[in-house]
C-alpha atoms as a PDB file:
ATOM      1  CA  MET A   1      -5.381  15.432   7.645  1.00  0.00           C
ATOM      2  CA  THR A   2      -6.512  18.022   5.337  1.00  0.00           C
ATOM      3  CA  VAL A   3     -10.369  18.392   4.328  1.00  0.00           C
ATOM      4  CA  ASP A   4     -10.961  17.646   0.681  1.00  0.00           C
ATOM      5  CA  ARG A   5     -14.560  19.640   0.358  1.00  0.00           C
ATOM      6  CA  ILE A   6     -17.005  20.597   2.500  1.00  0.00           C
ATOM      7  CA  ILE A   7     -20.982  20.013   1.208  1.00  0.00           C
ATOM      8  CA  LEU A   8     -24.152  22.031   2.057  1.00  0.00           C
ATOM      9  CA  GLY A   9     -27.768  20.125   2.079  1.00  0.00           C
ATOM     10  CA  ILE A  10     -30.532  22.279   1.790  1.00  0.00           C
ATOM     11  CA  ASP A  11     -34.058  21.222   2.125  1.00  0.00           C
ATOM     12  CA  PRO A  12     -36.061  24.257   1.243  1.00  0.00           C
ATOM     13  CA  GLY A  13     -39.016  25.392   2.551  1.00  0.00           C
ATOM     14  CA  THR A  14     -41.097  28.568   3.293  1.00  0.00           C
ATOM     15  CA  THR A  15     -41.761  28.281   6.720  1.00  0.00           C
ATOM     16  CA  ILE A  16     -38.937  26.000   7.553  1.00  0.00           C
ATOM     17  CA  MET A  17     -35.675  25.610   5.779  1.00  0.00           C
ATOM     18  CA  GLY A  18     -33.383  22.619   7.131  1.00  0.00           C
ATOM     19  CA  TYR A  19     -29.481  22.731   6.386  1.00  0.00           C
ATOM     20  CA  GLY A  20     -26.665  20.485   7.186  1.00  0.00           C
ATOM     21  CA  LEU A  21     -22.930  20.916   6.321  1.00  0.00           C
ATOM     22  CA  ILE A  22     -20.296  17.822   6.010  1.00  0.00           C
ATOM     23  CA  CYS A  23     -16.622  17.789   5.418  1.00  0.00           C
ATOM     24  CA  VAL A  24     -15.360  14.969   3.220  1.00  0.00           C
ATOM     25  CA  THR A  25     -11.539  14.222   4.710  1.00  0.00           C
ATOM     26  CA  ASP A  26      -9.539  10.996   2.830  1.00  0.00           C
ATOM     27  CA  ARG A  27     -13.450   9.911   1.637  1.00  0.00           C
ATOM     28  CA  LYS A  28     -15.128   9.741   5.415  1.00  0.00           C
ATOM     29  CA  ILE A  29     -17.722  12.378   5.791  1.00  0.00           C
ATOM     30  CA  LYS A  30     -18.130  13.717   9.067  1.00  0.00           C
ATOM     31  CA  LEU A  31     -21.090  16.013  10.071  1.00  0.00           C
ATOM     32  CA  ILE A  32     -19.952  19.699  10.605  1.00  0.00           C
ATOM     33  CA  THR A  33     -23.473  21.065  11.358  1.00  0.00           C
ATOM     34  CA  MET A  34     -27.023  21.005  10.768  1.00  0.00           C
ATOM     35  CA  GLY A  35     -29.861  23.353  11.834  1.00  0.00           C
ATOM     36  CA  VAL A  36     -33.067  25.108  10.424  1.00  0.00           C
ATOM     37  CA  LEU A  37     -34.157  28.541   9.325  1.00  0.00           C
ATOM     38  CA  LYS A  38     -37.409  29.382  11.155  1.00  0.00           C
ATOM     39  CA  LEU A  39     -39.562  31.744   8.928  1.00  0.00           C
ATOM     40  CA  GLY A  40     -42.908  31.373  10.212  1.00  0.00           C
ATOM     41  CA  LYS A  41     -42.978  34.591  12.113  1.00  0.00           C
ATOM     42  CA  TYR A  42     -42.954  36.796   8.490  1.00  0.00           C
ATOM     43  CA  SER A  43     -46.161  37.187   7.333  1.00  0.00           C
ATOM     44  CA  ASP A  44     -44.696  38.706   4.062  1.00  0.00           C
ATOM     45  CA  HIS A  45     -43.573  35.599   1.682  1.00  0.00           C
ATOM     46  CA  ALA A  46     -41.014  38.389  -0.118  1.00  0.00           C
ATOM     47  CA  VAL A  47     -39.292  38.844   3.287  1.00  0.00           C
ATOM     48  CA  ARG A  48     -39.131  35.177   3.987  1.00  0.00           C
ATOM     49  CA  LEU A  49     -37.196  35.086   0.614  1.00  0.00           C
ATOM     50  CA  LYS A  50     -34.846  37.751   1.577  1.00  0.00           C
ATOM     51  CA  MET A  51     -34.178  35.950   4.943  1.00  0.00           C
ATOM     52  CA  ILE A  52     -33.563  32.650   2.995  1.00  0.00           C
ATOM     53  CA  PHE A  53     -30.863  34.386   0.950  1.00  0.00           C
ATOM     54  CA  GLU A  54     -29.269  36.632   3.919  1.00  0.00           C
ATOM     55  CA  ARG A  55     -29.032  33.096   6.125  1.00  0.00           C
ATOM     56  CA  MET A  56     -27.646  31.280   3.125  1.00  0.00           C
ATOM     57  CA  ILE A  57     -24.850  33.894   2.511  1.00  0.00           C
ATOM     58  CA  ALA A  58     -24.209  33.689   6.487  1.00  0.00           C
ATOM     59  CA  ILE A  59     -23.800  30.017   6.393  1.00  0.00           C
ATOM     60  CA  ILE A  60     -21.613  30.218   3.089  1.00  0.00           C
ATOM     61  CA  SER A  61     -19.533  32.802   4.825  1.00  0.00           C
ATOM     62  CA  MET A  62     -19.069  31.176   7.841  1.00  0.00           C
ATOM     63  CA  TYR A  63     -18.448  27.722   6.411  1.00  0.00           C
ATOM     64  CA  HIS A  64     -17.231  28.028   2.708  1.00  0.00           C
ATOM     65  CA  PRO A  65     -18.191  25.017   1.257  1.00  0.00           C
ATOM     66  CA  ASP A  66     -17.458  23.746  -2.017  1.00  0.00           C
ATOM     67  CA  GLU A  67     -20.364  22.449  -3.209  1.00  0.00           C
ATOM     68  CA  MET A  68     -24.227  22.491  -2.609  1.00  0.00           C
ATOM     69  CA  ALA A  69     -26.596  19.922  -3.046  1.00  0.00           C
ATOM     70  CA  ILE A  70     -30.535  20.840  -2.738  1.00  0.00           C
ATOM     71  CA  GLU A  71     -33.698  19.051  -3.067  1.00  0.00           C
ATOM     72  CA  ALA A  72     -35.756  19.674  -5.908  1.00  0.00           C
ATOM     73  CA  PRO A  73     -39.300  20.123  -5.238  1.00  0.00           C
ATOM     74  CA  PHE A  74     -41.354  17.459  -5.765  1.00  0.00           C
ATOM     75  CA  PHE A  75     -44.986  17.187  -7.149  1.00  0.00           C
ATOM     76  CA  GLY A  76     -47.644  18.639  -4.729  1.00  0.00           C
ATOM     77  CA  LYS A  77     -51.319  19.028  -5.209  1.00  0.00           C
ATOM     78  CA  ASN A  78     -51.478  22.752  -4.201  1.00  0.00           C
ATOM     79  CA  VAL A  79     -50.181  25.038  -7.156  1.00  0.00           C
ATOM     80  CA  GLN A  80     -49.766  27.529  -4.586  1.00  0.00           C
ATOM     81  CA  SER A  81     -47.584  25.943  -2.137  1.00  0.00           C
ATOM     82  CA  MET A  82     -45.386  24.792  -4.880  1.00  0.00           C
ATOM     83  CA  LEU A  83     -44.770  28.200  -6.496  1.00  0.00           C
ATOM     84  CA  LYS A  84     -43.236  29.322  -3.089  1.00  0.00           C
ATOM     85  CA  LEU A  85     -41.173  26.262  -2.111  1.00  0.00           C
ATOM     86  CA  GLY A  86     -39.874  26.569  -6.126  1.00  0.00           C
ATOM     87  CA  ARG A  87     -39.225  30.245  -5.164  1.00  0.00           C
ATOM     88  CA  ALA A  88     -37.423  29.299  -1.603  1.00  0.00           C
ATOM     89  CA  GLN A  89     -35.157  26.638  -3.641  1.00  0.00           C
ATOM     90  CA  GLY A  90     -34.656  29.703  -6.240  1.00  0.00           C
ATOM     91  CA  VAL A  91     -32.977  32.253  -3.693  1.00  0.00           C
ATOM     92  CA  ALA A  92     -31.224  29.583  -1.952  1.00  0.00           C
ATOM     93  CA  ILE A  93     -29.429  28.492  -5.412  1.00  0.00           C
ATOM     94  CA  ALA A  94     -29.124  31.808  -6.337  1.00  0.00           C
ATOM     95  CA  ALA A  95     -27.425  32.821  -2.904  1.00  0.00           C
ATOM     96  CA  ALA A  96     -24.603  29.638  -3.661  1.00  0.00           C
ATOM     97  CA  LEU A  97     -24.349  31.035  -7.010  1.00  0.00           C
ATOM     98  CA  SER A  98     -23.412  34.300  -6.098  1.00  0.00           C
ATOM     99  CA  ARG A  99     -20.587  32.702  -4.221  1.00  0.00           C
ATOM    100  CA  SER A 100     -19.321  30.090  -7.328  1.00  0.00           C
ATOM    101  CA  ILE A 101     -20.481  27.719  -5.663  1.00  0.00           C
ATOM    102  CA  PRO A 102     -22.015  24.930  -7.677  1.00  0.00           C
ATOM    103  CA  VAL A 103     -25.169  23.399  -7.189  1.00  0.00           C
ATOM    104  CA  SER A 104     -26.678  20.036  -7.672  1.00  0.00           C
ATOM    105  CA  GLU A 105     -30.545  18.948  -7.365  1.00  0.00           C
ATOM    106  CA  TYR A 106     -31.960  15.478  -5.919  1.00  0.00           C
ATOM    107  CA  SER A 107     -35.497  14.528  -5.963  1.00  0.00           C
ATOM    108  CA  PRO A 108     -36.872  13.505  -2.523  1.00  0.00           C
ATOM    109  CA  ARG A 109     -36.703   9.805  -3.709  1.00  0.00           C
ATOM    110  CA  LYS A 110     -33.124   9.790  -4.862  1.00  0.00           C
ATOM    111  CA  ILE A 111     -32.040  11.172  -1.722  1.00  0.00           C
ATOM    112  CA  LYS A 112     -33.965   8.647   0.791  1.00  0.00           C
ATOM    113  CA  GLN A 113     -32.913   6.039  -1.679  1.00  0.00           C
ATOM    114  CA  SER A 114     -29.492   7.112  -1.197  1.00  0.00           C
ATOM    115  CA  ILE A 115     -29.380   7.047   2.705  1.00  0.00           C
ATOM    116  CA  THR A 116     -31.419   4.533   3.308  1.00  0.00           C
ATOM    117  CA  GLY A 117     -31.499   2.240   0.112  1.00  0.00           C
ATOM    118  CA  LYS A 118     -35.642   2.805  -0.386  1.00  0.00           C
ATOM    119  CA  GLY A 119     -36.626   5.542  -1.968  1.00  0.00           C
ATOM    120  CA  SER A 120     -40.229   5.642   0.138  1.00  0.00           C
ATOM    121  CA  ALA A 121     -38.357   5.836   3.393  1.00  0.00           C
ATOM    122  CA  SER A 122     -40.031   8.169   5.806  1.00  0.00           C
ATOM    123  CA  LYS A 123     -38.342  10.859   7.450  1.00  0.00           C
ATOM    124  CA  GLU A 124     -37.551   9.382  10.544  1.00  0.00           C
ATOM    125  CA  GLN A 125     -35.892   6.254   8.753  1.00  0.00           C
ATOM    126  CA  VAL A 126     -33.492   9.092   7.113  1.00  0.00           C
ATOM    127  CA  ALA A 127     -33.017  10.609  10.160  1.00  0.00           C
ATOM    128  CA  ALA A 128     -32.086   7.283  11.796  1.00  0.00           C
ATOM    129  CA  MET A 129     -29.854   6.085   9.261  1.00  0.00           C
ATOM    130  CA  LEU A 130     -27.592   9.697   9.084  1.00  0.00           C
ATOM    131  CA  THR A 131     -27.734   9.259  12.956  1.00  0.00           C
ATOM    132  CA  THR A 132     -25.901   5.850  12.656  1.00  0.00           C
ATOM    133  CA  LEU A 133     -24.154   6.991   9.789  1.00  0.00           C
ATOM    134  CA  LEU A 134     -22.223  10.034  10.979  1.00  0.00           C
ATOM    135  CA  LYS A 135     -22.774   9.189  15.100  1.00  0.00           C
ATOM    136  CA  ILE A 136     -24.893  11.997  15.534  1.00  0.00           C
ATOM    137  CA  ASP A 137     -25.317  12.164  19.416  1.00  0.00           C
ATOM    138  CA  GLU A 138     -28.123  15.116  20.115  1.00  0.00           C
ATOM    139  CA  ASN A 139     -31.354  14.961  17.925  1.00  0.00           C
ATOM    140  CA  PRO A 140     -31.942  17.667  15.224  1.00  0.00           C
ATOM    141  CA  GLU A 141     -34.572  20.235  16.485  1.00  0.00           C
ATOM    142  CA  THR A 142     -36.760  19.154  13.667  1.00  0.00           C
ATOM    143  CA  LEU A 143     -36.363  16.757  10.834  1.00  0.00           C
ATOM    144  CA  ASP A 144     -36.004  19.740   8.362  1.00  0.00           C
ATOM    145  CA  ALA A 145     -32.436  19.800   9.817  1.00  0.00           C
ATOM    146  CA  THR A 146     -31.740  16.070   8.945  1.00  0.00           C
ATOM    147  CA  ASP A 147     -33.508  16.151   5.292  1.00  0.00           C
ATOM    148  CA  GLY A 148     -30.752  19.059   4.922  1.00  0.00           C
ATOM    149  CA  LEU A 149     -27.987  17.097   5.674  1.00  0.00           C
ATOM    150  CA  ALA A 150     -29.507  14.121   3.754  1.00  0.00           C
ATOM    151  CA  ALA A 151     -29.065  16.142   0.290  1.00  0.00           C
ATOM    152  CA  ALA A 152     -25.201  16.866   1.512  1.00  0.00           C
ATOM    153  CA  VAL A 153     -24.724  13.075   2.284  1.00  0.00           C
ATOM    154  CA  CYS A 154     -26.792  11.919  -1.391  1.00  0.00           C
ATOM    155  CA  HIS A 155     -24.643  14.515  -3.093  1.00  0.00           C
ATOM    156  CA  TYR A 156     -21.463  12.607  -1.436  1.00  0.00           C
ATOM    157  CA  PHE A 157     -22.606   8.993  -2.294  1.00  0.00           C
ATOM    158  CA  GLN A 158     -23.679  10.417  -5.547  1.00  0.00           C
ATOM    159  CA  LYS A 159     -20.258  12.072  -6.492  1.00  0.00           C
ATOM    160  CA  GLY A 160     -17.974  11.502  -3.636  1.00  0.00           C
ATOM    161  CA  SER A 161     -15.702   8.452  -5.678  1.00  0.00           C
ATOM    162  CA  PRO A 162     -13.481   9.928  -7.679  1.00  0.00           C
ATOM    163  CA  ASP A 163     -14.796   7.150 -10.444  1.00  0.00           C
ATOM    164  CA  ALA A 164     -18.086   9.011  -9.855  1.00  0.00           C
ATOM    165  CA  GLU A 165     -17.737  11.477 -12.322  1.00  0.00           C
ATOM    166  CA  LYS A 166     -15.979   9.269 -14.922  1.00  0.00           C
ATOM    167  CA  LYS A 167     -17.682   8.342 -17.926  1.00  0.00           C
ATOM    168  CA  PHE A 168     -16.282   5.501 -20.010  1.00  0.00           C
ATOM    169  CA  SER A 169     -17.471   4.583 -23.582  1.00  0.00           C
ATOM    170  CA  GLY A 170     -17.381   0.742 -22.763  1.00  0.00           C
ATOM    171  CA  TRP A 171     -15.941  -1.974 -21.017  1.00  0.00           C
ATOM    172  CA  LYS A 172     -12.595  -1.680 -22.888  1.00  0.00           C
ATOM    173  CA  ALA A 173     -12.021   1.785 -21.570  1.00  0.00           C
ATOM    174  CA  PHE A 174     -12.836   0.937 -18.424  1.00  0.00           C
ATOM    175  CA  VAL A 175     -10.482  -1.547 -17.970  1.00  0.00           C
ATOM    176  CA  ASN A 176      -7.754   0.490 -19.846  1.00  0.00           C
ATOM    177  CA  ALA A 177      -8.266   3.233 -17.560  1.00  0.00           C
ATOM    178  CA  ASN A 178      -8.636   0.742 -14.509  1.00  0.00           C
ATOM    179  CA  PRO A 179      -6.390  -2.435 -14.701  1.00  0.00           C
ATOM    180  CA  GLN A 180      -5.961  -2.643 -10.861  1.00  0.00           C
ATOM    181  CA  ARG A 181      -9.586  -3.221 -10.422  1.00  0.00           C
ATOM    182  CA  VAL A 182      -9.328  -6.109 -12.686  1.00  0.00           C
ATOM    183  CA  GLY A 183      -8.268  -9.365 -11.389  1.00  0.00           C
ATOM    184  CA  ASN A 184      -6.797 -11.839 -13.597  1.00  0.00           C
ATOM    185  CA  LYS A 185      -7.582 -15.497 -13.361  1.00  0.00           C
END
């Protein structure tokens, strides 16, 4: 059994960055690892960004992901916080791109909907669903870890099947490309 691909999921943050890795084998997903990068001990924002980049490169070097999924910044009331979060996301993306890893962004609502079926689900509900789906035994250190993992699983659900990326011009084109999927009555 060979691993088809490895997906790295990131929940960007300037105090805590969550990440999760899954492997896809024969259309089944399995947890590789999840964790957090704690950045609160660094008071300088530039140093935090440097740490994010270095840790991302280390994770990429260790696990060799084929793709990365990252949570996109959402609307926030504090402009400075949003700016810092956007920088953290940008640095994580830059690290992946520096290793030629394609990156996909998903809104928090899309990730929650993909995992739980409900875009307004809580972080706890997302974590509980991932625990069941991936048969996770240990509780994560923080919900940031499961948020990073959720981005990876969302990406799998969005791009997982070979047919997910195919676009058809209409029903006739779909039927011609997939005769085995159309029943004759």
